[in-house]
Amino acid sequence: MTRKNTDDAAGRSAAGTPGSFPAIRMRRNRQADWTRRMVAEHRLSADDLIWPLFVREGRNTREPVPSMPGVDRLSIDLAVEAARHGADLGIPAIALFPNTDPALRSDRAEEAFNKDNLVCRATRAIREAGLNIGIILDVALDPYTSHGHDGLLIAERIDNDATLEALVRQSLNQADAGASVLAPSDMMDGRIGEIRRALESSGHTDTILMSYAAKYASAFYGPFRDAVGSSSTLKGDKRTYQMDPANTDEAIREVALDIAEGADMVMVKPGMPYLDIVRRIASELSVPTFAYQVSGEYAMLMGAANNGWLDKDRVMIESLMAFKRAGAAGVLTYFAPEAATLLSKT
């Protein structure tokens, strides 16, 4: 063997076979904070967060939600201050959900059409405060029905087409109140097209529709229903209109239909148990895709953190990063103010 060949062999031995250890040491890029930051594939910031808020009647009133540690139902004046805090943190939008007085709930959900209902008054108050923050309002009848369903119950059956008329009325009422984004969460067939046509005809041409396009019939919604007061009124379940957790292709069909009908953005709900759905929608349909880290997910993490079983800050950020990694444009999360505060320090 010539000296050159000997040297070449020694070099190959030291470096290893091309494409293998020790020529390739994956830990090199992980060894320092600055390298980890430099090669990070995904970023999480306050811009990725939407903060859901529960509103109630009263003044200067804060009522804890027992199943959601750290989350309160807020009177309108405190909701305005919370929105101001969110805007100061750089959170782009809040989502308002009303805890409607049971006396105002009815089989036909008439309170949803009242221009002075709780969520419309809260929206106007936040608008009048001049805050640089978007306001997202849910379009569904469950906060207003005596039976707790998202649609109109006729002869023990959810009537899809009669519900569409009610959802259009609710949508126009909320748009008139100043909602930036309407988020139909009812899962009735055809509702995006009906709402979009009504918005266009009424002059609300710039109102964004964020469709709950893939909303599953999930057991993770329990604490939310406590917060809005529908858990005690719900008769039966919602499996005839919310999706079967076993299905993925159906989600693609649902989203594609809503896009065709005029949805500007879509949402997957729940969040972490359905990251595969987020990934498929974001990659296959190329539409702004959001996920809702729902009340049950929040309650589990907070329960474990409060018992000292998990590091709250770390699991909070890690769980939110999972949504970004899956392809979500943003996340509705009750952790929003805490996460935004923590992210501003990193």
C-alpha atoms as a PDB file:
ATOM      1  CA  MET A   1       0.000   0.000   0.000  1.00  0.00           C
ATOM      2  CA  THR A   2       1.365   3.424  -0.889  1.00  0.00           C
ATOM      3  CA  ARG A   3       1.726   6.104   1.756  1.00  0.00           C
ATOM      4  CA  LYS A   4      -1.129   8.090   0.174  1.00  0.00           C
ATOM      5  CA  ASN A   5      -3.437   5.076   0.330  1.00  0.00           C
ATOM      6  CA  THR A   6      -2.394   4.440   3.925  1.00  0.00           C
ATOM      7  CA  ASP A   7      -3.151   8.052   4.865  1.00  0.00           C
ATOM      8  CA  ASP A   8      -6.519   7.851   3.110  1.00  0.00           C
ATOM      9  CA  ALA A   9      -7.425   4.702   4.981  1.00  0.00           C
ATOM     10  CA  ALA A  10      -6.429   6.276   8.302  1.00  0.00           C
ATOM     11  CA  GLY A  11      -8.543   9.317   7.530  1.00  0.00           C
ATOM     12  CA  ARG A  12     -11.548   7.201   6.688  1.00  0.00           C
ATOM     13  CA  SER A  13     -11.078   5.202   9.866  1.00  0.00           C
ATOM     14  CA  ALA A  14     -10.995   8.343  12.014  1.00  0.00           C
ATOM     15  CA  ALA A  15     -13.971   9.935  10.314  1.00  0.00           C
ATOM     16  CA  GLY A  16     -15.955   6.758   9.895  1.00  0.00           C
ATOM     17  CA  THR A  17     -17.962   5.697   6.860  1.00  0.00           C
ATOM     18  CA  PRO A  18     -19.432   8.749   5.081  1.00  0.00           C
ATOM     19  CA  GLY A  19     -22.882   9.501   6.503  1.00  0.00           C
ATOM     20  CA  SER A  20     -22.297   7.718   9.800  1.00  0.00           C
ATOM     21  CA  PHE A  21     -20.775   8.219  13.246  1.00  0.00           C
ATOM     22  CA  PRO A  22     -18.362   9.775  14.091  1.00  0.00           C
ATOM     23  CA  ALA A  23     -18.387  11.945  10.944  1.00  0.00           C
ATOM     24  CA  ILE A  24     -22.008  12.648  11.815  1.00  0.00           C
ATOM     25  CA  ARG A  25     -22.631  13.659  15.411  1.00  0.00           C
ATOM     26  CA  MET A  26     -26.195  14.943  15.747  1.00  0.00           C
ATOM     27  CA  ARG A  27     -25.425  16.369  19.186  1.00  0.00           C
ATOM     28  CA  ARG A  28     -23.102  18.996  17.728  1.00  0.00           C
ATOM     29  CA  ASN A  29     -26.044  21.237  16.895  1.00  0.00           C
ATOM     30  CA  ARG A  30     -27.571  20.695  20.345  1.00  0.00           C
ATOM     31  CA  GLN A  31     -24.573  21.465  22.501  1.00  0.00           C
ATOM     32  CA  ALA A  32     -25.320  25.138  23.251  1.00  0.00           C
ATOM     33  CA  ASP A  33     -28.328  27.373  23.610  1.00  0.00           C
ATOM     34  CA  TRP A  34     -27.264  29.551  20.688  1.00  0.00           C
ATOM     35  CA  THR A  35     -26.935  26.591  18.293  1.00  0.00           C
ATOM     36  CA  ARG A  36     -30.282  25.153  19.380  1.00  0.00           C
ATOM     37  CA  ARG A  37     -31.929  28.504  18.693  1.00  0.00           C
ATOM     38  CA  MET A  38     -30.148  28.868  15.363  1.00  0.00           C
ATOM     39  CA  VAL A  39     -31.308  25.531  13.954  1.00  0.00           C
ATOM     40  CA  ALA A  40     -34.819  25.428  15.492  1.00  0.00           C
ATOM     41  CA  GLU A  41     -37.311  24.326  12.839  1.00  0.00           C
ATOM     42  CA  HIS A  42     -40.372  25.954  14.413  1.00  0.00           C
ATOM     43  CA  ARG A  43     -40.980  29.104  16.418  1.00  0.00           C
ATOM     44  CA  LEU A  44     -43.691  29.889  18.941  1.00  0.00           C
ATOM     45  CA  SER A  45     -44.661  33.450  19.799  1.00  0.00           C
ATOM     46  CA  ALA A  46     -47.565  35.455  21.150  1.00  0.00           C
ATOM     47  CA  ASP A  47     -48.686  35.888  17.524  1.00  0.00           C
ATOM     48  CA  ASP A  48     -49.682  32.201  17.523  1.00  0.00           C
ATOM     49  CA  LEU A  49     -52.082  32.481  20.470  1.00  0.00           C
ATOM     50  CA  ILE A  50     -55.814  33.161  20.743  1.00  0.00           C
ATOM     51  CA  TRP A  51     -57.208  33.627  24.244  1.00  0.00           C
ATOM     52  CA  PRO A  52     -60.699  32.232  25.004  1.00  0.00           C
ATOM     53  CA  LEU A  53     -62.581  34.262  27.644  1.00  0.00           C
ATOM     54  CA  PHE A  54     -65.830  33.444  29.425  1.00  0.00           C
ATOM     55  CA  VAL A  55     -68.145  36.367  30.153  1.00  0.00           C
ATOM     56  CA  ARG A  56     -70.956  36.643  32.682  1.00  0.00           C
ATOM     57  CA  GLU A  57     -73.362  39.252  33.981  1.00  0.00           C
ATOM     58  CA  GLY A  58     -72.455  41.651  36.782  1.00  0.00           C
ATOM     59  CA  ARG A  59     -69.847  44.281  37.424  1.00  0.00           C
ATOM     60  CA  ASN A  60     -66.348  43.833  38.800  1.00  0.00           C
ATOM     61  CA  THR A  61     -67.221  40.159  39.154  1.00  0.00           C
ATOM     62  CA  ARG A  62     -64.851  37.243  38.749  1.00  0.00           C
ATOM     63  CA  GLU A  63     -66.190  33.707  39.198  1.00  0.00           C
ATOM     64  CA  PRO A  64     -63.777  30.750  39.122  1.00  0.00           C
ATOM     65  CA  VAL A  65     -64.572  27.761  36.910  1.00  0.00           C
ATOM     66  CA  PRO A  66     -63.972  24.848  39.331  1.00  0.00           C
ATOM     67  CA  SER A  67     -62.978  22.341  36.631  1.00  0.00           C
ATOM     68  CA  MET A  68     -60.537  24.788  35.001  1.00  0.00           C
ATOM     69  CA  PRO A  69     -58.020  25.971  37.629  1.00  0.00           C
ATOM     70  CA  GLY A  70     -56.948  29.557  36.962  1.00  0.00           C
ATOM     71  CA  VAL A  71     -59.834  30.317  34.572  1.00  0.00           C
ATOM     72  CA  ASP A  72     -62.638  32.686  35.611  1.00  0.00           C
ATOM     73  CA  ARG A  73     -65.937  33.855  34.208  1.00  0.00           C
ATOM     74  CA  LEU A  74     -65.571  37.624  33.920  1.00  0.00           C
ATOM     75  CA  SER A  75     -68.076  40.446  34.004  1.00  0.00           C
ATOM     76  CA  ILE A  76     -67.905  42.676  30.942  1.00  0.00           C
ATOM     77  CA  ASP A  77     -65.795  45.365  32.592  1.00  0.00           C
ATOM     78  CA  LEU A  78     -63.203  42.778  33.624  1.00  0.00           C
ATOM     79  CA  ALA A  79     -63.344  41.178  30.177  1.00  0.00           C
ATOM     80  CA  VAL A  80     -62.400  44.569  28.717  1.00  0.00           C
ATOM     81  CA  GLU A  81     -59.405  44.711  31.053  1.00  0.00           C
ATOM     82  CA  ALA A  82     -58.447  41.150  30.140  1.00  0.00           C
ATOM     83  CA  ALA A  83     -58.612  42.080  26.449  1.00  0.00           C
ATOM     84  CA  ARG A  84     -56.397  45.088  27.170  1.00  0.00           C
ATOM     85  CA  HIS A  85     -53.916  42.815  28.934  1.00  0.00           C
ATOM     86  CA  GLY A  86     -53.963  40.426  25.971  1.00  0.00           C
ATOM     87  CA  ALA A  87     -53.336  43.259  23.529  1.00  0.00           C
ATOM     88  CA  ASP A  88     -50.428  44.511  25.650  1.00  0.00           C
ATOM     89  CA  LEU A  89     -48.914  41.021  25.527  1.00  0.00           C
ATOM     90  CA  GLY A  90     -49.161  40.959  21.738  1.00  0.00           C
ATOM     91  CA  ILE A  91     -51.930  38.338  21.598  1.00  0.00           C
ATOM     92  CA  PRO A  92     -53.702  39.000  18.274  1.00  0.00           C
ATOM     93  CA  ALA A  93     -57.226  37.884  19.186  1.00  0.00           C
ATOM     94  CA  ILE A  94     -59.580  36.827  21.945  1.00  0.00           C
ATOM     95  CA  ALA A  95     -62.557  34.471  21.657  1.00  0.00           C
ATOM     96  CA  LEU A  96     -65.604  35.326  23.786  1.00  0.00           C
ATOM     97  CA  PHE A  97     -68.043  32.748  25.177  1.00  0.00           C
ATOM     98  CA  PRO A  98     -71.112  33.735  27.208  1.00  0.00           C
ATOM     99  CA  ASN A  99     -72.445  32.148  30.381  1.00  0.00           C
ATOM    100  CA  THR A 100     -76.087  32.910  29.653  1.00  0.00           C
ATOM    101  CA  ASP A 101     -78.646  33.247  32.445  1.00  0.00           C
ATOM    102  CA  PRO A 102     -80.690  29.995  32.450  1.00  0.00           C
ATOM    103  CA  ALA A 103     -83.860  32.105  32.517  1.00  0.00           C
ATOM    104  CA  LEU A 104     -82.931  33.419  29.046  1.00  0.00           C
ATOM    105  CA  ARG A 105     -82.429  29.997  27.484  1.00  0.00           C
ATOM    106  CA  SER A 106     -85.221  28.553  25.384  1.00  0.00           C
ATOM    107  CA  ASP A 107     -85.952  25.746  22.955  1.00  0.00           C
ATOM    108  CA  ARG A 108     -85.686  28.197  20.025  1.00  0.00           C
ATOM    109  CA  ALA A 109     -82.586  30.050  21.316  1.00  0.00           C
ATOM    110  CA  GLU A 110     -84.166  33.502  20.915  1.00  0.00           C
ATOM    111  CA  GLU A 111     -81.527  35.149  23.121  1.00  0.00           C
ATOM    112  CA  ALA A 112     -78.939  34.456  20.400  1.00  0.00           C
ATOM    113  CA  PHE A 113     -80.715  37.050  18.240  1.00  0.00           C
ATOM    114  CA  ASN A 114     -80.946  39.727  20.932  1.00  0.00           C
ATOM    115  CA  LYS A 115     -78.664  42.623  19.979  1.00  0.00           C
ATOM    116  CA  ASP A 116     -78.139  43.311  23.684  1.00  0.00           C
ATOM    117  CA  ASN A 117     -77.275  39.781  24.715  1.00  0.00           C
ATOM    118  CA  LEU A 118     -74.246  39.234  26.893  1.00  0.00           C
ATOM    119  CA  VAL A 119     -71.671  38.467  24.223  1.00  0.00           C
ATOM    120  CA  CYS A 120     -72.810  41.335  21.968  1.00  0.00           C
ATOM    121  CA  ARG A 121     -72.550  43.833  24.836  1.00  0.00           C
ATOM    122  CA  ALA A 122     -69.091  42.490  25.696  1.00  0.00           C
ATOM    123  CA  THR A 123     -68.008  42.832  22.069  1.00  0.00           C
ATOM    124  CA  ARG A 124     -69.194  46.424  21.852  1.00  0.00           C
ATOM    125  CA  ALA A 125     -67.500  47.304  25.154  1.00  0.00           C
ATOM    126  CA  ILE A 126     -64.164  45.944  23.937  1.00  0.00           C
ATOM    127  CA  ARG A 127     -64.585  47.744  20.620  1.00  0.00           C
ATOM    128  CA  GLU A 128     -65.349  51.021  22.410  1.00  0.00           C
ATOM    129  CA  ALA A 129     -62.129  50.628  24.410  1.00  0.00           C
ATOM    130  CA  GLY A 130     -60.214  51.024  21.149  1.00  0.00           C
ATOM    131  CA  LEU A 131     -58.007  47.984  21.674  1.00  0.00           C
ATOM    132  CA  ASN A 132     -55.788  46.577  18.939  1.00  0.00           C
ATOM    133  CA  ILE A 133     -57.105  43.035  19.233  1.00  0.00           C
ATOM    134  CA  GLY A 134     -59.401  40.839  17.170  1.00  0.00           C
ATOM    135  CA  ILE A 135     -62.679  39.553  18.585  1.00  0.00           C
ATOM    136  CA  ILE A 136     -63.822  36.047  17.670  1.00  0.00           C
ATOM    137  CA  LEU A 137     -67.390  35.013  18.421  1.00  0.00           C
ATOM    138  CA  ASP A 138     -68.699  31.468  18.384  1.00  0.00           C
ATOM    139  CA  VAL A 139     -71.680  30.770  16.137  1.00  0.00           C
ATOM    140  CA  ALA A 140     -73.720  27.991  17.755  1.00  0.00           C
ATOM    141  CA  LEU A 141     -76.913  27.847  19.745  1.00  0.00           C
ATOM    142  CA  ASP A 142     -75.823  25.787  22.767  1.00  0.00           C
ATOM    143  CA  PRO A 143     -75.285  28.806  25.093  1.00  0.00           C
ATOM    144  CA  TYR A 144     -78.888  29.824  24.381  1.00  0.00           C
ATOM    145  CA  THR A 145     -80.897  26.596  24.143  1.00  0.00           C
ATOM    146  CA  SER A 146     -82.702  25.040  27.077  1.00  0.00           C
ATOM    147  CA  HIS A 147     -81.646  21.582  25.855  1.00  0.00           C
ATOM    148  CA  GLY A 148     -77.933  22.423  25.457  1.00  0.00           C
ATOM    149  CA  HIS A 149     -77.619  21.492  21.786  1.00  0.00           C
ATOM    150  CA  ASP A 150     -75.890  23.535  19.073  1.00  0.00           C
ATOM    151  CA  GLY A 151     -78.953  23.316  16.854  1.00  0.00           C
ATOM    152  CA  LEU A 152     -82.719  23.418  17.118  1.00  0.00           C
ATOM    153  CA  LEU A 153     -84.232  20.275  18.579  1.00  0.00           C
ATOM    154  CA  ILE A 154     -87.483  19.334  16.867  1.00  0.00           C
ATOM    155  CA  ALA A 155     -89.262  16.118  17.861  1.00  0.00           C
ATOM    156  CA  GLU A 156     -86.119  14.875  19.651  1.00  0.00           C
ATOM    157  CA  ARG A 157     -84.024  15.403  16.522  1.00  0.00           C
ATOM    158  CA  ILE A 158     -81.641  18.198  15.526  1.00  0.00           C
ATOM    159  CA  ASP A 159     -83.222  19.867  12.493  1.00  0.00           C
ATOM    160  CA  ASN A 160     -80.295  20.871  10.276  1.00  0.00           C
ATOM    161  CA  ASP A 161     -82.101  23.217   7.880  1.00  0.00           C
ATOM    162  CA  ALA A 162     -84.175  25.010  10.497  1.00  0.00           C
ATOM    163  CA  THR A 163     -80.975  25.519  12.455  1.00  0.00           C
ATOM    164  CA  LEU A 164     -79.321  27.206   9.463  1.00  0.00           C
ATOM    165  CA  GLU A 165     -81.877  30.002   9.568  1.00  0.00           C
ATOM    166  CA  ALA A 166     -81.170  30.543  13.262  1.00  0.00           C
ATOM    167  CA  LEU A 167     -77.402  30.520  12.735  1.00  0.00           C
ATOM    168  CA  VAL A 168     -77.683  33.150  10.008  1.00  0.00           C
ATOM    169  CA  ARG A 169     -79.665  35.399  12.368  1.00  0.00           C
ATOM    170  CA  GLN A 170     -77.114  34.866  15.128  1.00  0.00           C
ATOM    171  CA  SER A 171     -74.211  35.573  12.764  1.00  0.00           C
ATOM    172  CA  LEU A 172     -75.673  38.860  11.542  1.00  0.00           C
ATOM    173  CA  ASN A 173     -76.372  39.914  15.117  1.00  0.00           C
ATOM    174  CA  GLN A 174     -72.754  39.244  16.101  1.00  0.00           C
ATOM    175  CA  ALA A 175     -71.341  40.934  13.007  1.00  0.00           C
ATOM    176  CA  ASP A 176     -73.455  43.998  13.728  1.00  0.00           C
ATOM    177  CA  ALA A 177     -72.033  44.041  17.288  1.00  0.00           C
ATOM    178  CA  GLY A 178     -68.501  44.324  15.890  1.00  0.00           C
ATOM    179  CA  ALA A 179     -67.099  40.798  15.746  1.00  0.00           C
ATOM    180  CA  SER A 180     -63.934  40.580  13.647  1.00  0.00           C
ATOM    181  CA  VAL A 181     -64.254  36.828  13.138  1.00  0.00           C
ATOM    182  CA  LEU A 182     -67.263  34.551  13.265  1.00  0.00           C
ATOM    183  CA  ALA A 183     -66.478  30.961  14.200  1.00  0.00           C
ATOM    184  CA  PRO A 184     -69.354  28.596  13.389  1.00  0.00           C
ATOM    185  CA  SER A 185     -68.904  25.639  15.736  1.00  0.00           C
ATOM    186  CA  ASP A 186     -72.278  23.949  15.281  1.00  0.00           C
ATOM    187  CA  MET A 187     -71.264  21.397  12.600  1.00  0.00           C
ATOM    188  CA  MET A 188     -74.532  21.725  10.683  1.00  0.00           C
ATOM    189  CA  ASP A 189     -74.309  20.899   6.981  1.00  0.00           C
ATOM    190  CA  GLY A 190     -74.253  23.943   4.713  1.00  0.00           C
ATOM    191  CA  ARG A 191     -73.906  26.589   7.399  1.00  0.00           C
ATOM    192  CA  ILE A 192     -70.747  28.250   6.036  1.00  0.00           C
ATOM    193  CA  GLY A 193     -72.343  28.922   2.661  1.00  0.00           C
ATOM    194  CA  GLU A 194     -75.548  30.269   4.209  1.00  0.00           C
ATOM    195  CA  ILE A 195     -73.675  32.530   6.629  1.00  0.00           C
ATOM    196  CA  ARG A 196     -71.278  33.789   3.938  1.00  0.00           C
ATOM    197  CA  ARG A 197     -74.135  34.704   1.595  1.00  0.00           C
ATOM    198  CA  ALA A 198     -75.948  36.538   4.392  1.00  0.00           C
ATOM    199  CA  LEU A 199     -72.813  38.461   5.376  1.00  0.00           C
ATOM    200  CA  GLU A 200     -72.182  39.533   1.789  1.00  0.00           C
ATOM    201  CA  SER A 201     -75.794  40.615   1.302  1.00  0.00           C
ATOM    202  CA  SER A 202     -75.794  42.661   4.509  1.00  0.00           C
ATOM    203  CA  GLY A 203     -72.558  44.538   3.785  1.00  0.00           C
ATOM    204  CA  HIS A 204     -70.319  42.531   6.141  1.00  0.00           C
ATOM    205  CA  THR A 205     -67.962  41.677   3.317  1.00  0.00           C
ATOM    206  CA  ASP A 206     -64.817  41.815   5.448  1.00  0.00           C
ATOM    207  CA  THR A 207     -66.028  39.563   8.267  1.00  0.00           C
ATOM    208  CA  ILE A 208     -63.744  36.541   8.539  1.00  0.00           C
ATOM    209  CA  LEU A 209     -65.204  33.053   8.870  1.00  0.00           C
ATOM    210  CA  MET A 210     -63.113  30.654  10.960  1.00  0.00           C
ATOM    211  CA  SER A 211     -65.008  27.409  10.608  1.00  0.00           C
ATOM    212  CA  TYR A 212     -64.899  24.700  13.224  1.00  0.00           C
ATOM    213  CA  ALA A 213     -64.660  22.420  10.220  1.00  0.00           C
ATOM    214  CA  ALA A 214     -63.384  19.301  12.001  1.00  0.00           C
ATOM    215  CA  LYS A 215     -65.062  19.278  15.395  1.00  0.00           C
ATOM    216  CA  TYR A 216     -65.202  15.872  17.010  1.00  0.00           C
ATOM    217  CA  ALA A 217     -67.751  14.429  19.440  1.00  0.00           C
ATOM    218  CA  SER A 218     -65.209  14.419  22.230  1.00  0.00           C
ATOM    219  CA  ALA A 219     -65.185  13.721  25.955  1.00  0.00           C
ATOM    220  CA  PHE A 220     -62.633  16.528  26.372  1.00  0.00           C
ATOM    221  CA  TYR A 221     -65.278  19.298  26.353  1.00  0.00           C
ATOM    222  CA  GLY A 222     -66.657  18.729  29.848  1.00  0.00           C
ATOM    223  CA  PRO A 223     -65.042  21.671  31.683  1.00  0.00           C
ATOM    224  CA  PHE A 224     -66.024  24.080  28.870  1.00  0.00           C
ATOM    225  CA  ARG A 225     -69.647  23.067  29.236  1.00  0.00           C
ATOM    226  CA  ASP A 226     -69.348  23.778  32.953  1.00  0.00           C
ATOM    227  CA  ALA A 227     -67.942  27.216  32.149  1.00  0.00           C
ATOM    228  CA  VAL A 228     -70.767  28.224  29.799  1.00  0.00           C
ATOM    229  CA  GLY A 229     -73.445  26.497  31.872  1.00  0.00           C
ATOM    230  CA  SER A 230     -74.614  23.934  29.314  1.00  0.00           C
ATOM    231  CA  SER A 231     -73.441  20.725  30.997  1.00  0.00           C
ATOM    232  CA  SER A 232     -76.506  20.568  33.239  1.00  0.00           C
ATOM    233  CA  THR A 233     -78.933  21.292  30.384  1.00  0.00           C
ATOM    234  CA  LEU A 234     -77.569  19.009  27.656  1.00  0.00           C
ATOM    235  CA  LYS A 235     -80.044  16.303  26.708  1.00  0.00           C
ATOM    236  CA  GLY A 236     -78.391  13.298  25.123  1.00  0.00           C
ATOM    237  CA  ASP A 237     -75.178  13.769  23.137  1.00  0.00           C
ATOM    238  CA  LYS A 238     -73.940  15.526  19.997  1.00  0.00           C
ATOM    239  CA  ARG A 239     -72.840  12.548  17.922  1.00  0.00           C
ATOM    240  CA  THR A 240     -75.375  13.119  15.151  1.00  0.00           C
ATOM    241  CA  TYR A 241     -73.594  16.318  14.119  1.00  0.00           C
ATOM    242  CA  GLN A 242     -70.104  16.322  15.632  1.00  0.00           C
ATOM    243  CA  MET A 243     -67.567  13.962  14.051  1.00  0.00           C
ATOM    244  CA  ASP A 244     -66.690  10.400  15.007  1.00  0.00           C
ATOM    245  CA  PRO A 245     -63.199  10.319  16.619  1.00  0.00           C
ATOM    246  CA  ALA A 246     -62.407   7.277  14.459  1.00  0.00           C
ATOM    247  CA  ASN A 247     -62.504   9.244  11.193  1.00  0.00           C
ATOM    248  CA  THR A 248     -59.791  11.182   9.377  1.00  0.00           C
ATOM    249  CA  ASP A 249     -60.785  11.217   5.690  1.00  0.00           C
ATOM    250  CA  GLU A 250     -64.152  12.633   6.739  1.00  0.00           C
ATOM    251  CA  ALA A 251     -62.331  15.619   8.234  1.00  0.00           C
ATOM    252  CA  ILE A 252     -60.705  16.363   4.876  1.00  0.00           C
ATOM    253  CA  ARG A 253     -64.113  16.286   3.177  1.00  0.00           C
ATOM    254  CA  GLU A 254     -65.638  18.559   5.826  1.00  0.00           C
ATOM    255  CA  VAL A 255     -62.834  21.102   5.517  1.00  0.00           C
ATOM    256  CA  ALA A 256     -62.863  21.052   1.721  1.00  0.00           C
ATOM    257  CA  LEU A 257     -66.602  21.717   1.697  1.00  0.00           C
ATOM    258  CA  ASP A 258     -66.282  24.631   4.126  1.00  0.00           C
ATOM    259  CA  ILE A 259     -63.485  26.193   2.080  1.00  0.00           C
ATOM    260  CA  ALA A 260     -65.626  25.920  -1.043  1.00  0.00           C
ATOM    261  CA  GLU A 261     -68.530  27.564   0.797  1.00  0.00           C
ATOM    262  CA  GLY A 262     -66.468  30.566   1.868  1.00  0.00           C
ATOM    263  CA  ALA A 263     -64.474  29.768   5.022  1.00  0.00           C
ATOM    264  CA  ASP A 264     -61.323  31.878   5.333  1.00  0.00           C
ATOM    265  CA  MET A 265     -59.776  29.755   8.075  1.00  0.00           C
ATOM    266  CA  VAL A 266     -60.561  26.375   9.607  1.00  0.00           C
ATOM    267  CA  MET A 267     -60.235  24.835  13.021  1.00  0.00           C
ATOM    268  CA  VAL A 268     -59.671  21.379  14.475  1.00  0.00           C
ATOM    269  CA  LYS A 269     -61.198  20.637  17.874  1.00  0.00           C
ATOM    270  CA  PRO A 270     -59.991  19.133  20.215  1.00  0.00           C
ATOM    271  CA  GLY A 271     -56.313  19.807  19.775  1.00  0.00           C
ATOM    272  CA  MET A 272     -53.574  17.468  20.976  1.00  0.00           C
ATOM    273  CA  PRO A 273     -55.509  14.187  20.528  1.00  0.00           C
ATOM    274  CA  TYR A 274     -56.097  15.266  16.908  1.00  0.00           C
ATOM    275  CA  LEU A 275     -52.670  16.527  15.786  1.00  0.00           C
ATOM    276  CA  ASP A 276     -52.796  14.052  12.908  1.00  0.00           C
ATOM    277  CA  ILE A 277     -55.898  15.842  11.628  1.00  0.00           C
ATOM    278  CA  VAL A 278     -54.163  19.230  11.928  1.00  0.00           C
ATOM    279  CA  ARG A 279     -51.219  17.898   9.934  1.00  0.00           C
ATOM    280  CA  ARG A 280     -53.365  16.423   7.166  1.00  0.00           C
ATOM    281  CA  ILE A 281     -55.497  19.543   6.733  1.00  0.00           C
ATOM    282  CA  ALA A 282     -52.565  21.959   6.778  1.00  0.00           C
ATOM    283  CA  SER A 283     -50.511  19.935   4.313  1.00  0.00           C
ATOM    284  CA  GLU A 284     -53.226  18.656   1.970  1.00  0.00           C
ATOM    285  CA  LEU A 285     -55.506  21.694   1.754  1.00  0.00           C
ATOM    286  CA  SER A 286     -53.103  24.628   2.301  1.00  0.00           C
ATOM    287  CA  VAL A 287     -55.601  26.677   4.310  1.00  0.00           C
ATOM    288  CA  PRO A 288     -54.870  28.587   7.533  1.00  0.00           C
ATOM    289  CA  THR A 289     -55.521  25.854  10.098  1.00  0.00           C
ATOM    290  CA  PHE A 290     -56.088  26.507  13.778  1.00  0.00           C
ATOM    291  CA  ALA A 291     -56.455  24.124  16.694  1.00  0.00           C
ATOM    292  CA  TYR A 292     -58.319  24.490  19.973  1.00  0.00           C
ATOM    293  CA  GLN A 293     -56.463  23.255  23.041  1.00  0.00           C
ATOM    294  CA  VAL A 294     -59.761  22.518  24.716  1.00  0.00           C
ATOM    295  CA  SER A 295     -60.848  22.703  28.332  1.00  0.00           C
ATOM    296  CA  GLY A 296     -60.194  19.045  29.067  1.00  0.00           C
ATOM    297  CA  GLU A 297     -56.634  19.294  27.777  1.00  0.00           C
ATOM    298  CA  TYR A 298     -56.052  22.413  29.873  1.00  0.00           C
ATOM    299  CA  ALA A 299     -57.611  20.835  32.964  1.00  0.00           C
ATOM    300  CA  MET A 300     -55.414  17.731  32.688  1.00  0.00           C
ATOM    301  CA  LEU A 301     -52.196  19.720  32.412  1.00  0.00           C
ATOM    302  CA  MET A 302     -53.170  22.113  35.189  1.00  0.00           C
ATOM    303  CA  GLY A 303     -54.316  19.280  37.444  1.00  0.00           C
ATOM    304  CA  ALA A 304     -51.007  17.458  37.031  1.00  0.00           C
ATOM    305  CA  ALA A 305     -49.013  20.681  37.475  1.00  0.00           C
ATOM    306  CA  ASN A 306     -50.923  21.668  40.609  1.00  0.00           C
ATOM    307  CA  ASN A 307     -50.158  18.245  42.073  1.00  0.00           C
ATOM    308  CA  GLY A 308     -46.454  18.689  41.376  1.00  0.00           C
ATOM    309  CA  TRP A 309     -46.421  15.899  38.785  1.00  0.00           C
ATOM    310  CA  LEU A 310     -45.477  18.129  35.840  1.00  0.00           C
ATOM    311  CA  ASP A 311     -43.549  21.361  35.354  1.00  0.00           C
ATOM    312  CA  LYS A 312     -46.369  23.684  34.248  1.00  0.00           C
ATOM    313  CA  ASP A 313     -44.308  26.167  32.255  1.00  0.00           C
ATOM    314  CA  ARG A 314     -42.430  23.499  30.362  1.00  0.00           C
ATOM    315  CA  VAL A 315     -45.440  21.327  29.482  1.00  0.00           C
ATOM    316  CA  MET A 316     -47.427  24.442  28.545  1.00  0.00           C
ATOM    317  CA  ILE A 317     -44.840  25.570  26.001  1.00  0.00           C
ATOM    318  CA  GLU A 318     -44.129  22.030  24.809  1.00  0.00           C
ATOM    319  CA  SER A 319     -47.811  21.339  24.185  1.00  0.00           C
ATOM    320  CA  LEU A 320     -48.224  24.594  22.253  1.00  0.00           C
ATOM    321  CA  MET A 321     -45.127  23.912  20.178  1.00  0.00           C
ATOM    322  CA  ALA A 322     -46.669  20.575  19.200  1.00  0.00           C
ATOM    323  CA  PHE A 323     -49.453  22.441  17.404  1.00  0.00           C
ATOM    324  CA  LYS A 324     -46.964  24.553  15.454  1.00  0.00           C
ATOM    325  CA  ARG A 325     -44.950  21.464  14.558  1.00  0.00           C
ATOM    326  CA  ALA A 326     -48.112  19.799  13.245  1.00  0.00           C
ATOM    327  CA  GLY A 327     -48.752  22.776  10.965  1.00  0.00           C
ATOM    328  CA  ALA A 328     -51.219  24.920  12.909  1.00  0.00           C
ATOM    329  CA  ALA A 329     -51.229  28.629  12.117  1.00  0.00           C
ATOM    330  CA  GLY A 330     -52.336  29.320  15.681  1.00  0.00           C
ATOM    331  CA  VAL A 331     -53.880  27.872  18.821  1.00  0.00           C
ATOM    332  CA  LEU A 332     -56.857  28.775  20.960  1.00  0.00           C
ATOM    333  CA  THR A 333     -55.571  28.165  24.469  1.00  0.00           C
ATOM    334  CA  TYR A 334     -56.457  29.147  28.016  1.00  0.00           C
ATOM    335  CA  PHE A 335     -52.706  29.352  28.615  1.00  0.00           C
ATOM    336  CA  ALA A 336     -52.430  32.318  26.220  1.00  0.00           C
ATOM    337  CA  PRO A 337     -51.522  35.122  28.689  1.00  0.00           C
ATOM    338  CA  GLU A 338     -49.129  32.941  30.677  1.00  0.00           C
ATOM    339  CA  ALA A 339     -47.511  31.578  27.533  1.00  0.00           C
ATOM    340  CA  ALA A 340     -47.172  35.040  25.970  1.00  0.00           C
ATOM    341  CA  THR A 341     -45.569  36.372  29.146  1.00  0.00           C
ATOM    342  CA  LEU A 342     -43.126  33.470  29.307  1.00  0.00           C
ATOM    343  CA  LEU A 343     -42.264  33.697  25.602  1.00  0.00           C
ATOM    344  CA  SER A 344     -41.505  37.400  25.932  1.00  0.00           C
ATOM    345  CA  LYS A 345     -38.694  36.500  28.359  1.00  0.00           C
ATOM    346  CA  THR A 346     -36.992  33.970  26.107  1.00  0.00           C
END
